[in-house]
Amino acid sequence: MFKLGIIGAGWIADKMASTLAHAEDYCIHAIASRSFEKAEAFAQKWGISKAYGSYEDLVKDENIDLVYVATPHSHHYEHALLAIRNNKPVLVEKAFTANAQEAEQLINEARSRNIFIAEAIWTRYMPLSKKVKEIMDSGIIGTPRVLTATLCYSMEQKKRIVVPELCGGALLDLGVYTLNFARMYFGTDIVRTVSNPIISPSGVDMHESISLTYANGRMANLQSGALCLNDRQGIISGTEGYIRIDNVNCPELIEVYRNYELVETYRKPYDMITGYEYQVMECRRCIECGLTESPMMPHAEIIDIMKQMDAIRKEWGVIYPNDKI
């Protein structure tokens, strides 16, 4: 049995617990919250054997194989560092940290101790994510030229979205997915970035469009936000056809069109629980193989995307208390 300990007992921890409740050979061994009562209620809900009223107690539990950090962005660095310094492998919820400086320091600390650490950006680990690249490389849509990705939800009332002290805003919560989507399929040779945000009265981004131009003439147009609902589609357009992906953050359906005619369809695995299981499965594989990072989301990629988001936020004037100016 592969045992997780979760730091933070919010909604995303709840989703991980509900996922692993249906996964063979995996379980949540312990949950920690700053409130013991909250941790105990979470443990009772999901049949978890240990509830801790402090994060320090959880990371000292010798029965934990992997610590999952499920607190707000503002606290990822602090809580992941706590786990690393207690020699625990760590899966950190996206966005990995508040900024690139924190990401580099965290990864360097893990490397110095030979401890595994990964970012829980599930898009990278989903089975259909790999299939998209295979379809692109097959030539069925000709030469890929333009990528679009949208990811929006109505979340303007959520505290973690609107409060700067929690590193709020749409970019770190949703835009990180569209940026990863573009990087997975169009690469890193970006020669121009143009963006346009809607900034809230509290000073964080609530909606943004980001356009990336690449050295090879390709373009990615990305939109993410917390002000509305949208189709959450990704489309990769080529000279002879296009690929349509349902749910850019959690691909569930791929349709391949050639000359505007549907020619291939791919669906999520029949035994997929929520999709959260794949990142935990990859962590287990890496830990058992003695790896300190996952090739599905290498450390260099984590840092580069944090730098990309730092540069975009700087242009917008969105500043967090975690930023060193």
Protein backbone atom coordinates (compact mmCIF):
# COMPACT_ATOMS: atom_id res chain seq x y z
CA MET A 1 0.00 0.00 0.00
CA PHE A 2 1.37 3.41 -1.03
CA LYS A 3 0.49 5.91 1.70
CA LEU A 4 -0.07 9.65 1.32
CA GLY A 5 -0.12 12.34 3.93
CA ILE A 6 -1.98 15.52 3.01
CA ILE A 7 -1.11 19.00 4.26
CA GLY A 8 -4.25 21.11 4.12
CA ALA A 9 -7.85 19.93 4.41
CA GLY A 10 -9.58 22.09 1.81
CA TRP A 11 -11.55 21.24 -1.32
CA ILE A 12 -8.58 20.04 -3.39
CA ALA A 13 -7.48 17.70 -0.58
CA ASP A 14 -11.05 16.44 -0.57
CA LYS A 15 -10.80 15.67 -4.28
CA MET A 16 -7.57 13.74 -3.80
CA ALA A 17 -9.10 11.77 -0.92
CA SER A 18 -12.19 10.93 -2.96
CA THR A 19 -9.96 9.74 -5.80
CA LEU A 20 -7.68 7.48 -3.80
CA ALA A 21 -10.67 6.05 -1.94
CA HIS A 22 -11.32 4.15 -5.19
CA ALA A 23 -7.71 3.34 -6.10
CA GLU A 24 -6.20 -0.06 -5.35
CA ASP A 25 -2.90 -0.11 -3.47
CA TYR A 26 -3.13 3.60 -2.55
CA CYS A 27 -4.56 5.32 0.50
CA ILE A 28 -4.52 8.53 2.50
CA HIS A 29 -2.74 7.58 5.70
CA ALA A 30 -2.83 10.99 7.39
CA ILE A 31 -4.38 14.44 7.09
CA ALA A 32 -3.12 17.61 8.74
CA SER A 33 -4.77 20.96 9.30
CA ARG A 34 -3.92 23.89 11.55
CA SER A 35 -7.23 22.99 13.21
CA PHE A 36 -7.25 19.53 14.72
CA GLU A 37 -11.05 19.53 14.64
CA LYS A 38 -11.01 20.13 10.88
CA ALA A 39 -8.41 17.40 10.35
CA GLU A 40 -10.40 14.98 12.50
CA ALA A 41 -13.62 15.69 10.58
CA PHE A 42 -11.77 15.14 7.27
CA ALA A 43 -10.29 11.88 8.56
CA GLN A 44 -13.69 10.60 9.68
CA LYS A 45 -15.25 11.49 6.33
CA TRP A 46 -12.69 9.49 4.34
CA GLY A 47 -11.71 6.77 6.82
CA ILE A 48 -8.19 8.11 7.32
CA SER A 49 -6.30 6.58 10.22
CA LYS A 50 -4.34 9.65 11.38
CA ALA A 51 -5.44 13.24 11.92
CA TYR A 52 -2.91 15.89 12.95
CA GLY A 53 -3.43 19.41 14.23
CA SER A 54 -0.03 20.52 12.94
CA TYR A 55 1.87 20.04 9.71
CA GLU A 56 5.05 19.36 11.67
CA ASP A 57 3.49 16.25 13.23
CA LEU A 58 2.39 14.91 9.84
CA VAL A 59 5.81 15.14 8.17
CA LYS A 60 7.35 13.23 11.09
CA ASP A 61 5.00 10.27 10.53
CA GLU A 62 7.27 7.39 9.43
CA ASN A 63 4.44 5.58 7.63
CA ILE A 64 4.00 8.26 4.94
CA ASP A 65 5.46 7.55 1.49
CA LEU A 66 4.51 10.87 -0.11
CA VAL A 67 3.39 14.24 1.23
CA TYR A 68 0.80 16.07 -0.86
CA VAL A 69 0.80 19.85 -0.30
CA ALA A 70 -2.76 21.10 -0.81
CA THR A 71 -2.60 24.54 0.80
CA PRO A 72 -2.92 27.90 -1.05
CA HIS A 73 -0.14 29.00 -3.44
CA SER A 74 1.20 31.40 -0.84
CA HIS A 75 2.15 28.53 1.47
CA HIS A 76 3.44 25.88 -0.97
CA TYR A 77 7.10 26.81 -0.46
CA GLU A 78 6.90 26.75 3.34
CA HIS A 79 5.01 23.46 3.56
CA ALA A 80 6.97 21.62 0.87
CA LEU A 81 10.22 22.73 2.50
CA LEU A 82 8.98 21.35 5.81
CA ALA A 83 8.40 17.97 4.19
CA ILE A 84 11.76 17.95 2.40
CA ARG A 85 13.65 18.79 5.59
CA ASN A 86 11.99 15.78 7.17
CA ASN A 87 13.15 13.62 4.23
CA LYS A 88 9.67 13.14 2.78
CA PRO A 89 9.02 13.00 -0.99
CA VAL A 90 6.61 15.76 -1.99
CA LEU A 91 3.86 16.37 -4.53
CA VAL A 92 3.07 20.10 -4.55
CA GLU A 93 -0.26 21.30 -5.90
CA LYS A 94 -0.06 23.73 -8.83
CA ALA A 95 1.03 26.41 -9.15
CA PHE A 96 4.22 24.97 -7.71
CA THR A 97 5.11 28.11 -5.72
CA ALA A 98 4.31 31.81 -5.71
CA ASN A 99 7.24 32.67 -7.97
CA ALA A 100 10.35 31.29 -9.66
CA GLN A 101 12.69 32.23 -6.83
CA GLU A 102 10.76 30.04 -4.40
CA ALA A 103 10.62 27.23 -6.99
CA GLU A 104 14.38 27.26 -7.53
CA GLN A 105 15.13 27.28 -3.81
CA LEU A 106 12.71 24.43 -3.14
CA ILE A 107 14.05 22.26 -5.95
CA ASN A 108 17.66 22.94 -4.97
CA GLU A 109 16.89 21.92 -1.38
CA ALA A 110 15.25 18.70 -2.56
CA ARG A 111 18.16 17.89 -4.88
CA SER A 112 20.72 18.52 -2.14
CA ARG A 113 18.93 15.92 -0.01
CA ASN A 114 18.19 13.54 -2.91
CA ILE A 115 14.45 13.87 -2.22
CA PHE A 116 11.77 13.49 -4.89
CA ILE A 117 9.60 16.54 -5.57
CA ALA A 118 6.99 17.12 -8.28
CA GLU A 119 4.26 19.55 -9.26
CA ALA A 120 0.69 18.28 -9.17
CA ILE A 121 -0.37 19.73 -12.50
CA TRP A 122 -2.48 16.80 -13.60
CA THR A 123 -2.53 17.81 -17.29
CA ARG A 124 1.04 16.57 -17.60
CA TYR A 125 0.22 13.09 -16.34
CA MET A 126 -3.07 12.38 -18.12
CA PRO A 127 -3.04 9.48 -20.65
CA LEU A 128 -4.71 11.55 -23.39
CA SER A 129 -2.10 14.33 -23.05
CA LYS A 130 0.50 12.00 -24.54
CA LYS A 131 -1.93 10.96 -27.28
CA VAL A 132 -2.28 14.57 -28.49
CA LYS A 133 1.48 14.74 -29.16
CA GLU A 134 1.39 11.42 -30.99
CA ILE A 135 -1.43 12.68 -33.24
CA MET A 136 0.46 15.92 -33.96
CA ASP A 137 3.62 14.02 -34.86
CA SER A 138 1.74 11.60 -37.12
CA GLY A 139 1.21 14.32 -39.72
CA ILE A 140 -2.53 13.75 -39.98
CA ILE A 141 -3.27 17.47 -39.50
CA GLY A 142 -0.33 18.57 -41.64
CA THR A 143 2.00 21.20 -40.20
CA PRO A 144 0.69 22.57 -36.86
CA ARG A 145 0.48 26.36 -36.99
CA VAL A 146 -1.93 27.72 -34.35
CA LEU A 147 -2.93 26.55 -30.87
CA THR A 148 -5.81 27.90 -28.80
CA ALA A 149 -6.70 27.01 -25.22
CA THR A 150 -9.38 28.36 -22.90
CA LEU A 151 -10.05 27.63 -19.25
CA CYS A 152 -12.56 29.71 -17.31
CA TYR A 153 -14.73 29.21 -14.25
CA SER A 154 -16.96 31.50 -12.19
CA MET A 155 -14.84 31.88 -9.05
CA GLU A 156 -14.78 35.59 -8.28
CA GLN A 157 -16.18 34.99 -4.78
CA LYS A 158 -13.50 32.49 -3.75
CA LYS A 159 -11.07 33.88 -1.19
CA ARG A 160 -8.05 32.08 -2.65
CA ILE A 161 -8.72 33.77 -5.99
CA VAL A 162 -9.19 37.38 -4.88
CA VAL A 163 -6.76 37.78 -1.97
CA PRO A 164 -3.19 38.88 -2.89
CA GLU A 165 -1.83 37.47 0.40
CA LEU A 166 -2.87 33.99 -0.84
CA CYS A 167 -1.22 34.67 -4.22
CA GLY A 168 -4.64 34.88 -5.79
CA GLY A 169 -5.67 35.58 -9.35
CA ALA A 170 -6.52 33.52 -12.39
CA LEU A 171 -2.97 33.11 -13.70
CA LEU A 172 -1.54 30.84 -11.01
CA ASP A 173 -4.80 28.96 -10.62
CA LEU A 174 -6.00 28.56 -14.23
CA GLY A 175 -3.59 30.26 -16.61
CA VAL A 176 -0.88 27.86 -15.50
CA TYR A 177 -2.86 25.12 -17.29
CA THR A 178 -3.13 26.95 -20.60
CA LEU A 179 0.56 27.88 -20.47
CA ASN A 180 1.45 24.24 -19.82
CA PHE A 181 -0.83 23.15 -22.65
CA ALA A 182 0.98 25.47 -25.06
CA ARG A 183 4.40 24.37 -23.85
CA MET A 184 3.60 20.67 -24.12
CA TYR A 185 2.71 20.93 -27.80
CA PHE A 186 4.42 24.06 -29.18
CA GLY A 187 7.58 24.09 -27.08
CA THR A 188 9.65 26.89 -25.57
CA ASP A 189 11.07 28.97 -28.42
CA ILE A 190 8.85 31.97 -27.71
CA VAL A 191 9.94 35.23 -29.34
CA ARG A 192 7.03 37.47 -28.31
CA THR A 193 4.41 37.53 -25.57
CA VAL A 194 1.43 39.88 -25.62
CA SER A 195 -1.16 39.81 -22.84
CA ASN A 196 -4.20 41.69 -21.62
CA PRO A 197 -5.64 41.25 -18.09
CA ILE A 198 -8.65 42.37 -16.10
CA ILE A 199 -7.36 43.37 -12.67
CA SER A 200 -9.59 43.22 -9.59
CA PRO A 201 -9.92 46.03 -7.02
CA SER A 202 -7.70 43.92 -4.73
CA GLY A 203 -4.93 43.98 -7.34
CA VAL A 204 -4.98 40.45 -8.75
CA ASP A 205 -5.78 39.25 -12.28
CA MET A 206 -9.29 37.92 -12.74
CA HIS A 207 -9.23 37.22 -16.48
CA GLU A 208 -6.51 37.30 -19.11
CA SER A 209 -5.70 36.64 -22.72
CA ILE A 210 -2.12 35.70 -23.58
CA SER A 211 -0.71 35.42 -27.10
CA LEU A 212 2.60 33.65 -27.71
CA THR A 213 4.54 33.86 -30.98
CA TYR A 214 7.23 31.26 -31.68
CA ALA A 215 10.43 31.43 -33.70
CA ASN A 216 9.07 28.90 -36.22
CA GLY A 217 6.06 31.09 -36.98
CA ARG A 218 3.57 29.25 -34.80
CA MET A 219 1.19 31.09 -32.48
CA ALA A 220 -0.66 30.16 -29.28
CA ASN A 221 -3.69 32.13 -28.10
CA LEU A 222 -4.60 31.42 -24.49
CA GLN A 223 -7.48 32.62 -22.35
CA SER A 224 -8.15 31.93 -18.69
CA GLY A 225 -10.22 33.54 -16.02
CA ALA A 226 -12.37 33.40 -12.92
CA LEU A 227 -15.24 35.58 -14.14
CA CYS A 228 -17.25 33.28 -16.40
CA LEU A 229 -17.82 29.77 -17.70
CA ASN A 230 -16.49 28.62 -21.06
CA ASP A 231 -15.92 25.48 -23.11
CA ARG A 232 -12.43 24.66 -21.70
CA GLN A 233 -11.34 23.56 -25.17
CA GLY A 234 -7.94 23.21 -26.71
CA ILE A 235 -7.55 23.26 -30.49
CA ILE A 236 -4.35 22.60 -32.42
CA SER A 237 -4.76 23.73 -36.02
CA GLY A 238 -2.61 22.49 -38.88
CA THR A 239 -2.39 22.99 -42.62
CA GLU A 240 -4.58 19.95 -43.32
CA GLY A 241 -6.75 19.59 -40.23
CA TYR A 242 -7.05 20.16 -36.52
CA ILE A 243 -7.23 18.41 -33.14
CA ARG A 244 -9.95 19.34 -30.66
CA ILE A 245 -9.39 18.49 -26.99
CA ASP A 246 -12.17 18.62 -24.40
CA ASN A 247 -10.86 19.98 -21.08
CA VAL A 248 -7.36 21.36 -21.55
CA ASN A 249 -6.52 20.72 -17.91
CA CYS A 250 -8.01 17.20 -17.79
CA PRO A 251 -8.30 15.83 -21.36
CA GLU A 252 -11.33 13.57 -21.62
CA LEU A 253 -12.01 13.50 -25.37
CA ILE A 254 -9.90 14.06 -28.48
CA GLU A 255 -11.40 14.57 -31.92
CA VAL A 256 -9.19 14.65 -35.00
CA TYR A 257 -10.43 16.47 -38.10
CA ARG A 258 -8.88 16.36 -41.55
CA ASN A 259 -10.26 18.80 -44.11
CA TYR A 260 -13.09 19.54 -41.63
CA GLU A 261 -14.17 15.89 -41.46
CA LEU A 262 -13.98 13.91 -38.22
CA VAL A 263 -11.60 11.02 -38.80
CA GLU A 264 -10.54 9.83 -35.32
CA THR A 265 -11.89 9.96 -31.76
CA TYR A 266 -10.11 9.07 -28.53
CA ARG A 267 -11.75 8.92 -25.08
CA LYS A 268 -10.43 8.85 -21.54
CA PRO A 269 -9.64 5.41 -20.11
CA TYR A 270 -12.75 3.57 -18.96
CA ASP A 271 -11.19 2.96 -15.54
CA MET A 272 -10.17 6.57 -14.89
CA ILE A 273 -11.39 7.70 -11.47
CA THR A 274 -11.00 11.50 -11.56
CA GLY A 275 -7.60 11.86 -13.22
CA TYR A 276 -5.89 12.82 -9.97
CA GLU A 277 -4.68 9.26 -9.58
CA TYR A 278 -2.22 9.50 -12.48
CA GLN A 279 0.04 12.06 -10.82
CA VAL A 280 0.21 9.93 -7.66
CA MET A 281 0.94 6.82 -9.72
CA GLU A 282 3.78 8.67 -11.45
CA CYS A 283 5.18 9.82 -8.10
CA ARG A 284 5.18 6.24 -6.84
CA ARG A 285 6.92 5.02 -10.00
CA CYS A 286 9.61 7.69 -9.69
CA ILE A 287 10.20 7.12 -5.97
CA GLU A 288 10.48 3.36 -6.44
CA CYS A 289 12.92 3.92 -9.32
CA GLY A 290 15.06 6.24 -7.19
CA LEU A 291 14.28 9.37 -9.25
CA THR A 292 14.13 12.84 -7.75
CA GLU A 293 11.97 14.33 -10.53
CA SER A 294 9.42 13.12 -13.04
CA PRO A 295 10.24 13.18 -16.76
CA MET A 296 6.56 14.02 -17.30
CA MET A 297 7.09 17.37 -15.54
CA PRO A 298 10.83 17.99 -15.15
CA HIS A 299 12.15 20.49 -12.64
CA ALA A 300 13.48 22.73 -15.44
CA GLU A 301 9.96 22.98 -16.87
CA ILE A 302 8.51 23.88 -13.47
CA ILE A 303 11.01 26.70 -13.03
CA ASP A 304 10.63 27.99 -16.60
CA ILE A 305 6.86 28.25 -16.33
CA MET A 306 7.15 30.02 -12.98
CA LYS A 307 9.54 32.50 -14.65
CA GLN A 308 7.08 32.94 -17.50
CA MET A 309 4.29 33.74 -15.06
CA ASP A 310 6.56 36.07 -13.07
CA ALA A 311 7.30 38.07 -16.22
CA ILE A 312 3.61 38.29 -17.13
CA ARG A 313 2.63 39.39 -13.62
CA LYS A 314 5.38 42.01 -13.61
CA GLU A 315 3.98 43.51 -16.81
CA TRP A 316 0.51 43.63 -15.21
CA GLY A 317 1.74 45.03 -11.90
CA VAL A 318 0.37 42.05 -9.96
CA ILE A 319 2.60 41.67 -6.88
CA TYR A 320 2.40 39.15 -4.04
CA PRO A 321 3.87 39.50 -0.55
CA ASN A 322 6.06 36.48 -1.44
CA ASP A 323 7.78 38.43 -4.25
CA LYS A 324 11.23 39.83 -3.50
CA ILE A 325 11.33 43.18 -5.27
